[in-house]
Amino acid sequence: MRLTVIIPTYNRAASLRKTLNSLSAAALPPGLEVDVIVVDNNSTDNTSQVAEEMASQFVEVGFRYLFEPRQGRSFAVNSGLRTADGDLISTIDDDEQIDKNWYIEIHKIFNDRWEEVDFVGGKILPNLEADPPTWIEPLKEGALCWRDFGDHEWRYDKNSPMITGAHGIFKKSTFDRIGLYNEALGVKGKGFLGGEDEVFYDQLIEAGFQGIYHPKLVVYHDVPARRLTKAFYRRWLIGVGMSRRLADLHYKPIPGTRLFAIPRWMFKWAAGGFFQLVKFTLTGDEEKALDAENKPLVFIGFFYATHIEGGWLDNRVLNLVRQWGRSVSR
């Protein structure tokens, strides 16, 4: 059995070194071959130098370095996928470290259940730079990619939490059938766009592939203090809305009749969230109030991407958002 691990990276040389250290040091079980592909997504720091320095540590594990000049995570991942030759393929981020038994658990799962399982996800546990605030809960699963869904195995479906590119292991046959990641979607540079994982997960489920959440499969994700803020969460939610508009255009139109090119149900959906926000703000429930911001801010991002982005109001709106972000950070 052969596993290819793809690491898309952009201007995170220091954290990439930690990621590669974990991949080179983890225990390798008999019967599993591993190779790692670092895809440098047009970095301007010393990423290439770090990759060159770290290559000598990969003795039992193979190592390759690729350069992808087109800015965007989907471009970088797809560049790695085109050269990957493993029976299994995993993508992890450049600010993550694998558990020391990660390879062992992957081999055990697929060796025992090859005919049953097409993809596997696991825990993403945080390495927090600062103590978390009391209202942390709304940020966990999405904005912080803090994904701990318990200590019991369960199956992925259309109603479960989705698997993410930050920690997933897939049979190569899933990509052979579905294709590569949608390059119209995904983070560009240090922005807040995404959506490529949501689309790929939707394709997995629609194609009938079978996946499990396995609690013994663990990676650790660095969470800097700046992400433990309401401002970061709010900007992330607006990015979610913008990403959904891109998926609406480039993948699958969101169902429902439209008003001003936006599904009408989204207006009611966002208004419901706003009234919940007012309610919990007045009652002093900070965590529930923050959670209630989800719907109106996603709506704002969708509206912005539909009617403002690229137009004459674009820079003015962005400046207002930046000023608002700075004010709520204080």
C-alpha atoms as a PDB file:
ATOM      1  CA  MET A   1       0.000   0.000   0.000  1.00  0.00           C
ATOM      2  CA  ARG A   2       1.304   3.436  -0.930  1.00  0.00           C
ATOM      3  CA  LEU A   3       0.269   6.781   0.586  1.00  0.00           C
ATOM      4  CA  THR A   4       0.985  10.152  -0.999  1.00  0.00           C
ATOM      5  CA  VAL A   5       0.738  13.191   1.305  1.00  0.00           C
ATOM      6  CA  ILE A   6       0.256  16.548  -0.443  1.00  0.00           C
ATOM      7  CA  ILE A   7       1.105  19.766   1.427  1.00  0.00           C
ATOM      8  CA  PRO A   8       0.066  22.995  -0.319  1.00  0.00           C
ATOM      9  CA  THR A   9       2.048  25.841   1.219  1.00  0.00           C
ATOM     10  CA  TYR A  10       2.244  29.608   0.917  1.00  0.00           C
ATOM     11  CA  ASN A  11       4.621  31.832   2.924  1.00  0.00           C
ATOM     12  CA  ARG A  12       4.675  29.654   6.029  1.00  0.00           C
ATOM     13  CA  ALA A  13       8.249  28.415   5.998  1.00  0.00           C
ATOM     14  CA  ALA A  14       8.545  28.138   9.794  1.00  0.00           C
ATOM     15  CA  SER A  15       5.351  26.152  10.270  1.00  0.00           C
ATOM     16  CA  LEU A  16       6.094  24.059   7.182  1.00  0.00           C
ATOM     17  CA  ARG A  17       9.316  22.937   8.888  1.00  0.00           C
ATOM     18  CA  LYS A  18       7.251  21.672  11.852  1.00  0.00           C
ATOM     19  CA  THR A  19       4.865  19.870   9.489  1.00  0.00           C
ATOM     20  CA  LEU A  20       7.715  18.143   7.680  1.00  0.00           C
ATOM     21  CA  ASN A  21       9.418  17.214  10.950  1.00  0.00           C
ATOM     22  CA  SER A  22       6.272  15.395  12.049  1.00  0.00           C
ATOM     23  CA  LEU A  23       5.920  13.591   8.708  1.00  0.00           C
ATOM     24  CA  SER A  24       9.533  12.422   8.708  1.00  0.00           C
ATOM     25  CA  ALA A  25       9.549  11.326  12.359  1.00  0.00           C
ATOM     26  CA  ALA A  26       6.255   9.398  12.603  1.00  0.00           C
ATOM     27  CA  ALA A  27       6.429   5.614  12.894  1.00  0.00           C
ATOM     28  CA  LEU A  28       6.110   3.821   9.558  1.00  0.00           C
ATOM     29  CA  PRO A  29       4.425   0.393   9.691  1.00  0.00           C
ATOM     30  CA  PRO A  30       5.552  -2.545   7.535  1.00  0.00           C
ATOM     31  CA  GLY A  31       3.545  -2.733   4.356  1.00  0.00           C
ATOM     32  CA  LEU A  32       3.006   1.009   3.918  1.00  0.00           C
ATOM     33  CA  GLU A  33       5.122   3.159   1.603  1.00  0.00           C
ATOM     34  CA  VAL A  34       4.821   6.929   1.977  1.00  0.00           C
ATOM     35  CA  ASP A  35       5.907   9.847  -0.137  1.00  0.00           C
ATOM     36  CA  VAL A  36       5.407  13.546   0.643  1.00  0.00           C
ATOM     37  CA  ILE A  37       4.857  16.236  -1.982  1.00  0.00           C
ATOM     38  CA  VAL A  38       5.397  19.865  -0.941  1.00  0.00           C
ATOM     39  CA  VAL A  39       3.659  22.200  -3.387  1.00  0.00           C
ATOM     40  CA  ASP A  40       5.053  25.715  -3.063  1.00  0.00           C
ATOM     41  CA  ASN A  41       2.209  28.001  -4.130  1.00  0.00           C
ATOM     42  CA  ASN A  42       4.341  30.906  -5.339  1.00  0.00           C
ATOM     43  CA  SER A  43       5.774  31.732  -1.901  1.00  0.00           C
ATOM     44  CA  THR A  44       7.964  34.807  -1.474  1.00  0.00           C
ATOM     45  CA  ASP A  45       9.633  33.709   1.776  1.00  0.00           C
ATOM     46  CA  ASN A  46      12.264  30.965   2.218  1.00  0.00           C
ATOM     47  CA  THR A  47       9.855  28.061   1.675  1.00  0.00           C
ATOM     48  CA  SER A  48      11.978  26.519  -1.072  1.00  0.00           C
ATOM     49  CA  GLN A  49      15.082  26.695   1.145  1.00  0.00           C
ATOM     50  CA  VAL A  50      13.247  24.974   4.015  1.00  0.00           C
ATOM     51  CA  ALA A  51      12.053  22.227   1.680  1.00  0.00           C
ATOM     52  CA  GLU A  52      15.590  21.704   0.400  1.00  0.00           C
ATOM     53  CA  GLU A  53      17.000  21.563   3.940  1.00  0.00           C
ATOM     54  CA  MET A  54      14.332  19.150   5.169  1.00  0.00           C
ATOM     55  CA  ALA A  55      14.664  16.737   2.249  1.00  0.00           C
ATOM     56  CA  SER A  56      17.645  15.003   3.894  1.00  0.00           C
ATOM     57  CA  GLN A  57      15.440  13.965   6.849  1.00  0.00           C
ATOM     58  CA  PHE A  58      13.224  11.853   4.615  1.00  0.00           C
ATOM     59  CA  VAL A  59      14.965   8.501   4.561  1.00  0.00           C
ATOM     60  CA  GLU A  60      12.189   5.917   4.822  1.00  0.00           C
ATOM     61  CA  VAL A  61       9.621   8.385   3.461  1.00  0.00           C
ATOM     62  CA  GLY A  62       9.900   9.766  -0.072  1.00  0.00           C
ATOM     63  CA  PHE A  63      10.053  13.511  -0.659  1.00  0.00           C
ATOM     64  CA  ARG A  64       9.297  15.773  -3.624  1.00  0.00           C
ATOM     65  CA  TYR A  65       9.117  19.549  -4.068  1.00  0.00           C
ATOM     66  CA  LEU A  66       6.925  21.221  -6.683  1.00  0.00           C
ATOM     67  CA  PHE A  67       6.421  24.886  -7.536  1.00  0.00           C
ATOM     68  CA  GLU A  68       2.946  26.062  -8.559  1.00  0.00           C
ATOM     69  CA  PRO A  69       2.952  29.700  -9.766  1.00  0.00           C
ATOM     70  CA  ARG A  70      -0.841  30.086  -9.990  1.00  0.00           C
ATOM     71  CA  GLN A  71      -1.993  31.550  -6.686  1.00  0.00           C
ATOM     72  CA  GLY A  72      -4.635  29.479  -4.930  1.00  0.00           C
ATOM     73  CA  ARG A  73      -4.879  26.392  -2.756  1.00  0.00           C
ATOM     74  CA  SER A  74      -6.888  24.461  -5.347  1.00  0.00           C
ATOM     75  CA  PHE A  75      -4.205  25.068  -7.977  1.00  0.00           C
ATOM     76  CA  ALA A  76      -1.545  23.831  -5.549  1.00  0.00           C
ATOM     77  CA  VAL A  77      -3.440  20.710  -4.471  1.00  0.00           C
ATOM     78  CA  ASN A  78      -4.279  19.825  -8.068  1.00  0.00           C
ATOM     79  CA  SER A  79      -0.638  20.208  -9.048  1.00  0.00           C
ATOM     80  CA  GLY A  80       0.218  17.627  -6.395  1.00  0.00           C
ATOM     81  CA  LEU A  81      -2.650  15.343  -7.417  1.00  0.00           C
ATOM     82  CA  ARG A  82      -1.440  15.249 -11.014  1.00  0.00           C
ATOM     83  CA  THR A  83       1.895  13.793  -9.899  1.00  0.00           C
ATOM     84  CA  ALA A  84       0.636  11.639  -7.005  1.00  0.00           C
ATOM     85  CA  ASP A  85       1.024   7.901  -7.530  1.00  0.00           C
ATOM     86  CA  GLY A  86      -0.224   6.511  -4.205  1.00  0.00           C
ATOM     87  CA  ASP A  87      -3.099   4.116  -3.721  1.00  0.00           C
ATOM     88  CA  LEU A  88      -4.126   6.573  -0.998  1.00  0.00           C
ATOM     89  CA  ILE A  89      -3.868  10.355  -1.095  1.00  0.00           C
ATOM     90  CA  SER A  90      -3.977  12.793   1.789  1.00  0.00           C
ATOM     91  CA  THR A  91      -3.835  16.571   1.868  1.00  0.00           C
ATOM     92  CA  ILE A  92      -2.812  18.349   5.057  1.00  0.00           C
ATOM     93  CA  ASP A  93      -2.117  22.020   5.642  1.00  0.00           C
ATOM     94  CA  ASP A  94       1.274  23.610   6.202  1.00  0.00           C
ATOM     95  CA  ASP A  95       0.383  24.591   9.783  1.00  0.00           C
ATOM     96  CA  GLU A  96      -0.408  21.063  10.942  1.00  0.00           C
ATOM     97  CA  GLN A  97       1.583  18.210  12.452  1.00  0.00           C
ATOM     98  CA  ILE A  98       0.593  14.547  12.302  1.00  0.00           C
ATOM     99  CA  ASP A  99       0.377  12.351  15.379  1.00  0.00           C
ATOM    100  CA  LYS A 100       3.255   9.891  15.796  1.00  0.00           C
ATOM    101  CA  ASN A 101       0.884   6.959  15.057  1.00  0.00           C
ATOM    102  CA  TRP A 102      -0.823   8.575  12.043  1.00  0.00           C
ATOM    103  CA  TYR A 103       0.753   6.288   9.428  1.00  0.00           C
ATOM    104  CA  ILE A 104       0.068   3.231  11.591  1.00  0.00           C
ATOM    105  CA  GLU A 105      -3.627   4.067  11.950  1.00  0.00           C
ATOM    106  CA  ILE A 106      -4.037   4.771   8.216  1.00  0.00           C
ATOM    107  CA  HIS A 107      -2.450   1.452   7.311  1.00  0.00           C
ATOM    108  CA  LYS A 108      -4.569  -0.464   9.818  1.00  0.00           C
ATOM    109  CA  ILE A 109      -7.850   1.093   8.649  1.00  0.00           C
ATOM    110  CA  PHE A 110      -7.350   0.540   4.942  1.00  0.00           C
ATOM    111  CA  ASN A 111      -5.559  -2.796   5.294  1.00  0.00           C
ATOM    112  CA  ASP A 112      -8.472  -4.213   7.302  1.00  0.00           C
ATOM    113  CA  ARG A 113     -11.326  -2.477   5.448  1.00  0.00           C
ATOM    114  CA  TRP A 114     -10.200  -1.735   1.890  1.00  0.00           C
ATOM    115  CA  GLU A 115     -13.420  -2.919   0.246  1.00  0.00           C
ATOM    116  CA  GLU A 116     -15.599  -1.093   2.762  1.00  0.00           C
ATOM    117  CA  VAL A 117     -14.008   2.370   3.063  1.00  0.00           C
ATOM    118  CA  ASP A 118     -13.201   4.949   0.349  1.00  0.00           C
ATOM    119  CA  PHE A 119     -12.155   7.876   2.545  1.00  0.00           C
ATOM    120  CA  VAL A 120     -11.371   8.551   6.185  1.00  0.00           C
ATOM    121  CA  GLY A 121     -11.316  11.673   8.320  1.00  0.00           C
ATOM    122  CA  GLY A 122     -10.152  12.161  11.877  1.00  0.00           C
ATOM    123  CA  LYS A 123      -9.566  14.684  14.617  1.00  0.00           C
ATOM    124  CA  ILE A 124      -7.943  18.074  14.120  1.00  0.00           C
ATOM    125  CA  LEU A 125      -6.847  19.251  17.550  1.00  0.00           C
ATOM    126  CA  PRO A 126      -5.553  22.775  18.226  1.00  0.00           C
ATOM    127  CA  ASN A 127      -2.128  23.963  19.313  1.00  0.00           C
ATOM    128  CA  LEU A 128      -3.379  27.225  20.844  1.00  0.00           C
ATOM    129  CA  GLU A 129      -1.002  30.177  21.006  1.00  0.00           C
ATOM    130  CA  ALA A 130      -3.190  31.855  23.638  1.00  0.00           C
ATOM    131  CA  ASP A 131      -5.875  30.850  26.101  1.00  0.00           C
ATOM    132  CA  PRO A 132      -9.251  30.540  24.333  1.00  0.00           C
ATOM    133  CA  PRO A 133     -11.977  33.087  25.121  1.00  0.00           C
ATOM    134  CA  THR A 134     -15.129  31.993  26.931  1.00  0.00           C
ATOM    135  CA  TRP A 135     -17.161  32.400  23.715  1.00  0.00           C
ATOM    136  CA  ILE A 136     -14.910  30.102  21.629  1.00  0.00           C
ATOM    137  CA  GLU A 137     -17.520  27.492  20.681  1.00  0.00           C
ATOM    138  CA  PRO A 138     -18.907  29.124  17.458  1.00  0.00           C
ATOM    139  CA  LEU A 139     -15.377  29.413  16.049  1.00  0.00           C
ATOM    140  CA  LYS A 140     -14.309  25.819  16.539  1.00  0.00           C
ATOM    141  CA  GLU A 141     -15.485  23.668  13.656  1.00  0.00           C
ATOM    142  CA  GLY A 142     -15.226  26.204  10.830  1.00  0.00           C
ATOM    143  CA  ALA A 143     -13.092  29.270  11.478  1.00  0.00           C
ATOM    144  CA  LEU A 144     -10.482  27.440  13.574  1.00  0.00           C
ATOM    145  CA  CYS A 145     -10.778  24.020  11.914  1.00  0.00           C
ATOM    146  CA  TRP A 146     -10.936  22.524  15.414  1.00  0.00           C
ATOM    147  CA  ARG A 147     -12.650  19.256  14.603  1.00  0.00           C
ATOM    148  CA  ASP A 148     -13.133  16.831  17.455  1.00  0.00           C
ATOM    149  CA  PHE A 149     -16.290  14.800  16.952  1.00  0.00           C
ATOM    150  CA  GLY A 150     -15.861  12.391  19.818  1.00  0.00           C
ATOM    151  CA  ASP A 151     -14.154   9.083  20.454  1.00  0.00           C
ATOM    152  CA  HIS A 152     -16.493   6.802  18.536  1.00  0.00           C
ATOM    153  CA  GLU A 153     -16.414   5.964  14.833  1.00  0.00           C
ATOM    154  CA  TRP A 154     -19.279   7.124  12.613  1.00  0.00           C
ATOM    155  CA  ARG A 155     -20.062   7.306   8.893  1.00  0.00           C
ATOM    156  CA  TYR A 156     -20.068  10.429   6.762  1.00  0.00           C
ATOM    157  CA  ASP A 157     -23.293  11.338   4.953  1.00  0.00           C
ATOM    158  CA  LYS A 158     -25.061  14.436   3.636  1.00  0.00           C
ATOM    159  CA  ASN A 159     -26.203  15.389   7.164  1.00  0.00           C
ATOM    160  CA  SER A 160     -22.943  14.770   9.032  1.00  0.00           C
ATOM    161  CA  PRO A 161     -20.020  17.151   9.469  1.00  0.00           C
ATOM    162  CA  MET A 162     -18.003  17.089   6.248  1.00  0.00           C
ATOM    163  CA  ILE A 163     -14.466  15.881   5.729  1.00  0.00           C
ATOM    164  CA  THR A 164     -11.952  18.646   4.955  1.00  0.00           C
ATOM    165  CA  GLY A 165      -8.777  18.874   2.943  1.00  0.00           C
ATOM    166  CA  ALA A 166      -7.012  19.834   6.164  1.00  0.00           C
ATOM    167  CA  HIS A 167      -7.251  16.196   7.263  1.00  0.00           C
ATOM    168  CA  GLY A 168      -8.589  13.555   4.960  1.00  0.00           C
ATOM    169  CA  ILE A 169      -7.291  10.335   3.428  1.00  0.00           C
ATOM    170  CA  PHE A 170      -8.844   9.262   0.135  1.00  0.00           C
ATOM    171  CA  LYS A 171      -8.456   6.336  -2.192  1.00  0.00           C
ATOM    172  CA  LYS A 172      -6.970   7.526  -5.467  1.00  0.00           C
ATOM    173  CA  SER A 173     -10.045   6.062  -7.165  1.00  0.00           C
ATOM    174  CA  THR A 174     -12.162   8.884  -5.684  1.00  0.00           C
ATOM    175  CA  PHE A 175     -10.170  11.467  -7.654  1.00  0.00           C
ATOM    176  CA  ASP A 176     -10.098   9.237 -10.743  1.00  0.00           C
ATOM    177  CA  ARG A 177     -13.892   9.305 -10.742  1.00  0.00           C
ATOM    178  CA  ILE A 178     -14.720  12.786  -9.432  1.00  0.00           C
ATOM    179  CA  GLY A 179     -11.786  14.695 -10.852  1.00  0.00           C
ATOM    180  CA  LEU A 180      -9.637  17.406  -9.320  1.00  0.00           C
ATOM    181  CA  TYR A 181     -10.583  20.277  -7.021  1.00  0.00           C
ATOM    182  CA  ASN A 182     -12.633  23.121  -8.506  1.00  0.00           C
ATOM    183  CA  GLU A 183     -10.055  25.814  -9.255  1.00  0.00           C
ATOM    184  CA  ALA A 184     -12.617  28.616  -9.200  1.00  0.00           C
ATOM    185  CA  LEU A 185     -12.848  28.009  -5.453  1.00  0.00           C
ATOM    186  CA  GLY A 186     -10.404  27.918  -2.571  1.00  0.00           C
ATOM    187  CA  VAL A 187      -8.251  30.308  -0.591  1.00  0.00           C
ATOM    188  CA  LYS A 188      -6.016  32.652  -2.566  1.00  0.00           C
ATOM    189  CA  GLY A 189      -2.941  33.837  -0.673  1.00  0.00           C
ATOM    190  CA  LYS A 190      -3.957  34.831   2.864  1.00  0.00           C
ATOM    191  CA  GLY A 191      -7.578  35.619   2.031  1.00  0.00           C
ATOM    192  CA  PHE A 192     -10.788  34.154   3.414  1.00  0.00           C
ATOM    193  CA  LEU A 193     -12.196  32.436   0.357  1.00  0.00           C
ATOM    194  CA  GLY A 194     -12.790  28.686   0.441  1.00  0.00           C
ATOM    195  CA  GLY A 195     -15.539  26.359  -0.677  1.00  0.00           C
ATOM    196  CA  GLU A 196     -13.420  23.771  -2.498  1.00  0.00           C
ATOM    197  CA  ASP A 197     -13.760  21.262   0.337  1.00  0.00           C
ATOM    198  CA  GLU A 198     -17.542  21.681   0.488  1.00  0.00           C
ATOM    199  CA  VAL A 199     -17.856  21.030  -3.246  1.00  0.00           C
ATOM    200  CA  PHE A 200     -15.553  18.003  -3.174  1.00  0.00           C
ATOM    201  CA  TYR A 201     -17.425  16.554  -0.195  1.00  0.00           C
ATOM    202  CA  ASP A 202     -20.748  17.035  -1.991  1.00  0.00           C
ATOM    203  CA  GLN A 203     -19.303  15.175  -4.983  1.00  0.00           C
ATOM    204  CA  LEU A 204     -18.070  12.331  -2.762  1.00  0.00           C
ATOM    205  CA  ILE A 205     -21.485  11.813  -1.207  1.00  0.00           C
ATOM    206  CA  GLU A 206     -23.375  12.140  -4.504  1.00  0.00           C
ATOM    207  CA  ALA A 207     -21.057   9.584  -6.116  1.00  0.00           C
ATOM    208  CA  GLY A 208     -21.835   7.095  -3.340  1.00  0.00           C
ATOM    209  CA  PHE A 209     -18.355   6.849  -1.841  1.00  0.00           C
ATOM    210  CA  GLN A 210     -18.240   5.492   1.715  1.00  0.00           C
ATOM    211  CA  GLY A 211     -16.306   7.320   4.409  1.00  0.00           C
ATOM    212  CA  ILE A 212     -15.768   7.087   8.158  1.00  0.00           C
ATOM    213  CA  TYR A 213     -14.681   9.396  10.946  1.00  0.00           C
ATOM    214  CA  HIS A 214     -11.982   7.576  12.910  1.00  0.00           C
ATOM    215  CA  PRO A 215     -11.092   9.086  16.319  1.00  0.00           C
ATOM    216  CA  LYS A 216      -7.607   7.543  16.490  1.00  0.00           C
ATOM    217  CA  LEU A 217      -6.534   9.411  13.378  1.00  0.00           C
ATOM    218  CA  VAL A 218      -5.182  12.711  14.727  1.00  0.00           C
ATOM    219  CA  VAL A 219      -3.401  15.812  13.447  1.00  0.00           C
ATOM    220  CA  TYR A 220      -2.563  18.974  15.385  1.00  0.00           C
ATOM    221  CA  HIS A 221      -3.286  22.443  14.004  1.00  0.00           C
ATOM    222  CA  ASP A 222      -1.451  25.623  15.018  1.00  0.00           C
ATOM    223  CA  VAL A 223      -3.923  28.350  16.027  1.00  0.00           C
ATOM    224  CA  PRO A 224      -2.330  31.798  16.406  1.00  0.00           C
ATOM    225  CA  ALA A 225      -3.799  34.286  18.864  1.00  0.00           C
ATOM    226  CA  ARG A 226      -5.112  36.531  16.068  1.00  0.00           C
ATOM    227  CA  ARG A 227      -7.573  33.799  15.093  1.00  0.00           C
ATOM    228  CA  LEU A 228      -9.051  33.719  18.582  1.00  0.00           C
ATOM    229  CA  THR A 229     -10.866  37.012  17.979  1.00  0.00           C
ATOM    230  CA  LYS A 230     -14.351  38.013  16.979  1.00  0.00           C
ATOM    231  CA  ALA A 231     -12.947  40.100  14.136  1.00  0.00           C
ATOM    232  CA  PHE A 232     -11.291  37.049  12.582  1.00  0.00           C
ATOM    233  CA  TYR A 233     -14.509  35.036  12.924  1.00  0.00           C
ATOM    234  CA  ARG A 234     -16.567  37.775  11.287  1.00  0.00           C
ATOM    235  CA  ARG A 235     -14.207  38.159   8.344  1.00  0.00           C
ATOM    236  CA  TRP A 236     -14.186  34.377   7.951  1.00  0.00           C
ATOM    237  CA  LEU A 237     -18.012  34.296   7.822  1.00  0.00           C
ATOM    238  CA  ILE A 238     -18.075  36.957   5.108  1.00  0.00           C
ATOM    239  CA  GLY A 239     -15.554  34.826   3.204  1.00  0.00           C
ATOM    240  CA  VAL A 240     -17.886  31.831   3.563  1.00  0.00           C
ATOM    241  CA  GLY A 241     -20.668  33.858   1.946  1.00  0.00           C
ATOM    242  CA  MET A 242     -18.414  34.948  -0.920  1.00  0.00           C
ATOM    243  CA  SER A 243     -17.287  31.353  -1.431  1.00  0.00           C
ATOM    244  CA  ARG A 244     -20.880  30.130  -1.587  1.00  0.00           C
ATOM    245  CA  ARG A 245     -21.557  32.637  -4.329  1.00  0.00           C
ATOM    246  CA  LEU A 246     -18.587  31.262  -6.280  1.00  0.00           C
ATOM    247  CA  ALA A 247     -19.900  27.708  -5.814  1.00  0.00           C
ATOM    248  CA  ASP A 248     -23.330  28.976  -6.897  1.00  0.00           C
ATOM    249  CA  LEU A 249     -21.767  30.210 -10.152  1.00  0.00           C
ATOM    250  CA  HIS A 250     -19.131  27.584 -10.862  1.00  0.00           C
ATOM    251  CA  TYR A 251     -20.479  24.366  -9.402  1.00  0.00           C
ATOM    252  CA  LYS A 252     -24.155  23.994  -8.589  1.00  0.00           C
ATOM    253  CA  PRO A 253     -26.760  26.802  -8.451  1.00  0.00           C
ATOM    254  CA  ILE A 254     -28.366  27.220  -5.029  1.00  0.00           C
ATOM    255  CA  PRO A 255     -32.027  26.171  -5.315  1.00  0.00           C
ATOM    256  CA  GLY A 256     -34.958  28.575  -4.926  1.00  0.00           C
ATOM    257  CA  THR A 257     -36.511  31.523  -6.673  1.00  0.00           C
ATOM    258  CA  ARG A 258     -34.355  34.640  -6.657  1.00  0.00           C
ATOM    259  CA  LEU A 259     -34.643  38.260  -5.663  1.00  0.00           C
ATOM    260  CA  PHE A 260     -31.851  40.512  -6.946  1.00  0.00           C
ATOM    261  CA  ALA A 261     -29.988  37.342  -8.074  1.00  0.00           C
ATOM    262  CA  ILE A 262     -30.024  35.980  -4.500  1.00  0.00           C
ATOM    263  CA  PRO A 263     -32.208  33.017  -3.425  1.00  0.00           C
ATOM    264  CA  ARG A 264     -35.222  34.525  -1.665  1.00  0.00           C
ATOM    265  CA  TRP A 265     -34.993  32.115   1.257  1.00  0.00           C
ATOM    266  CA  MET A 266     -31.607  33.600   2.153  1.00  0.00           C
ATOM    267  CA  PHE A 267     -33.223  36.940   3.053  1.00  0.00           C
ATOM    268  CA  LYS A 268     -35.536  35.277   5.592  1.00  0.00           C
ATOM    269  CA  TRP A 269     -32.693  33.053   6.781  1.00  0.00           C
ATOM    270  CA  ALA A 270     -30.413  36.050   7.424  1.00  0.00           C
ATOM    271  CA  ALA A 271     -33.205  38.051   9.083  1.00  0.00           C
ATOM    272  CA  GLY A 272     -33.871  35.167  11.479  1.00  0.00           C
ATOM    273  CA  GLY A 273     -30.209  35.159  12.446  1.00  0.00           C
ATOM    274  CA  PHE A 274     -30.259  38.932  12.978  1.00  0.00           C
ATOM    275  CA  PHE A 275     -33.245  38.753  15.339  1.00  0.00           C
ATOM    276  CA  GLN A 276     -31.491  35.962  17.266  1.00  0.00           C
ATOM    277  CA  LEU A 277     -28.427  38.205  17.476  1.00  0.00           C
ATOM    278  CA  VAL A 278     -30.496  41.037  18.969  1.00  0.00           C
ATOM    279  CA  LYS A 279     -32.191  38.667  21.416  1.00  0.00           C
ATOM    280  CA  PHE A 280     -29.001  37.113  22.765  1.00  0.00           C
ATOM    281  CA  THR A 281     -27.195  40.455  22.859  1.00  0.00           C
ATOM    282  CA  LEU A 282     -29.968  41.876  25.041  1.00  0.00           C
ATOM    283  CA  THR A 283     -29.910  38.836  27.338  1.00  0.00           C
ATOM    284  CA  GLY A 284     -26.114  39.024  27.631  1.00  0.00           C
ATOM    285  CA  ASP A 285     -25.408  35.572  26.164  1.00  0.00           C
ATOM    286  CA  GLU A 286     -22.158  36.390  24.375  1.00  0.00           C
ATOM    287  CA  GLU A 287     -21.579  32.937  22.876  1.00  0.00           C
ATOM    288  CA  LYS A 288     -25.078  32.555  21.426  1.00  0.00           C
ATOM    289  CA  ALA A 289     -25.019  36.134  20.139  1.00  0.00           C
ATOM    290  CA  LEU A 290     -21.772  35.453  18.297  1.00  0.00           C
ATOM    291  CA  ASP A 291     -23.176  32.224  16.870  1.00  0.00           C
ATOM    292  CA  ALA A 292     -26.229  34.147  15.637  1.00  0.00           C
ATOM    293  CA  GLU A 293     -23.973  36.410  13.541  1.00  0.00           C
ATOM    294  CA  ASN A 294     -23.324  33.439  11.241  1.00  0.00           C
ATOM    295  CA  LYS A 295     -26.373  33.809   8.981  1.00  0.00           C
ATOM    296  CA  PRO A 296     -26.414  37.598   8.448  1.00  0.00           C
ATOM    297  CA  LEU A 297     -22.659  37.751   7.833  1.00  0.00           C
ATOM    298  CA  VAL A 298     -22.701  34.851   5.366  1.00  0.00           C
ATOM    299  CA  PHE A 299     -25.563  36.667   3.613  1.00  0.00           C
ATOM    300  CA  ILE A 300     -23.504  39.876   3.499  1.00  0.00           C
ATOM    301  CA  GLY A 301     -20.609  37.973   1.918  1.00  0.00           C
ATOM    302  CA  PHE A 302     -22.945  36.417  -0.674  1.00  0.00           C
ATOM    303  CA  PHE A 303     -24.499  39.830  -1.459  1.00  0.00           C
ATOM    304  CA  TYR A 304     -21.077  41.471  -1.695  1.00  0.00           C
ATOM    305  CA  ALA A 305     -19.782  38.854  -4.150  1.00  0.00           C
ATOM    306  CA  THR A 306     -22.988  39.126  -6.203  1.00  0.00           C
ATOM    307  CA  HIS A 307     -23.419  42.888  -6.470  1.00  0.00           C
ATOM    308  CA  ILE A 308     -20.402  44.818  -5.180  1.00  0.00           C
ATOM    309  CA  GLU A 309     -17.145  42.946  -5.806  1.00  0.00           C
ATOM    310  CA  GLY A 310     -15.306  44.397  -8.779  1.00  0.00           C
ATOM    311  CA  GLY A 311     -17.673  47.364  -9.075  1.00  0.00           C
ATOM    312  CA  TRP A 312     -17.294  51.045  -8.321  1.00  0.00           C
ATOM    313  CA  LEU A 313     -18.322  50.558  -4.674  1.00  0.00           C
ATOM    314  CA  ASP A 314     -15.834  47.759  -4.055  1.00  0.00           C
ATOM    315  CA  ASN A 315     -12.933  49.705  -2.524  1.00  0.00           C
ATOM    316  CA  ARG A 316     -15.242  51.889  -0.421  1.00  0.00           C
ATOM    317  CA  VAL A 317     -16.974  48.851   1.052  1.00  0.00           C
ATOM    318  CA  LEU A 318     -13.658  47.094   1.713  1.00  0.00           C
ATOM    319  CA  ASN A 319     -12.348  50.144   3.554  1.00  0.00           C
ATOM    320  CA  LEU A 320     -15.477  50.222   5.722  1.00  0.00           C
ATOM    321  CA  VAL A 321     -15.081  46.513   6.512  1.00  0.00           C
ATOM    322  CA  ARG A 322     -11.423  47.018   7.461  1.00  0.00           C
ATOM    323  CA  GLN A 323     -12.306  49.939   9.745  1.00  0.00           C
ATOM    324  CA  TRP A 324     -15.109  47.909  11.326  1.00  0.00           C
ATOM    325  CA  GLY A 325     -12.769  44.940  11.787  1.00  0.00           C
ATOM    326  CA  ARG A 326     -10.195  47.116  13.549  1.00  0.00           C
ATOM    327  CA  SER A 327     -12.851  48.629  15.820  1.00  0.00           C
ATOM    328  CA  VAL A 328     -14.319  45.291  16.924  1.00  0.00           C
ATOM    329  CA  SER A 329     -10.806  43.931  17.557  1.00  0.00           C
ATOM    330  CA  ARG A 330     -10.072  46.546  20.210  1.00  0.00           C
END
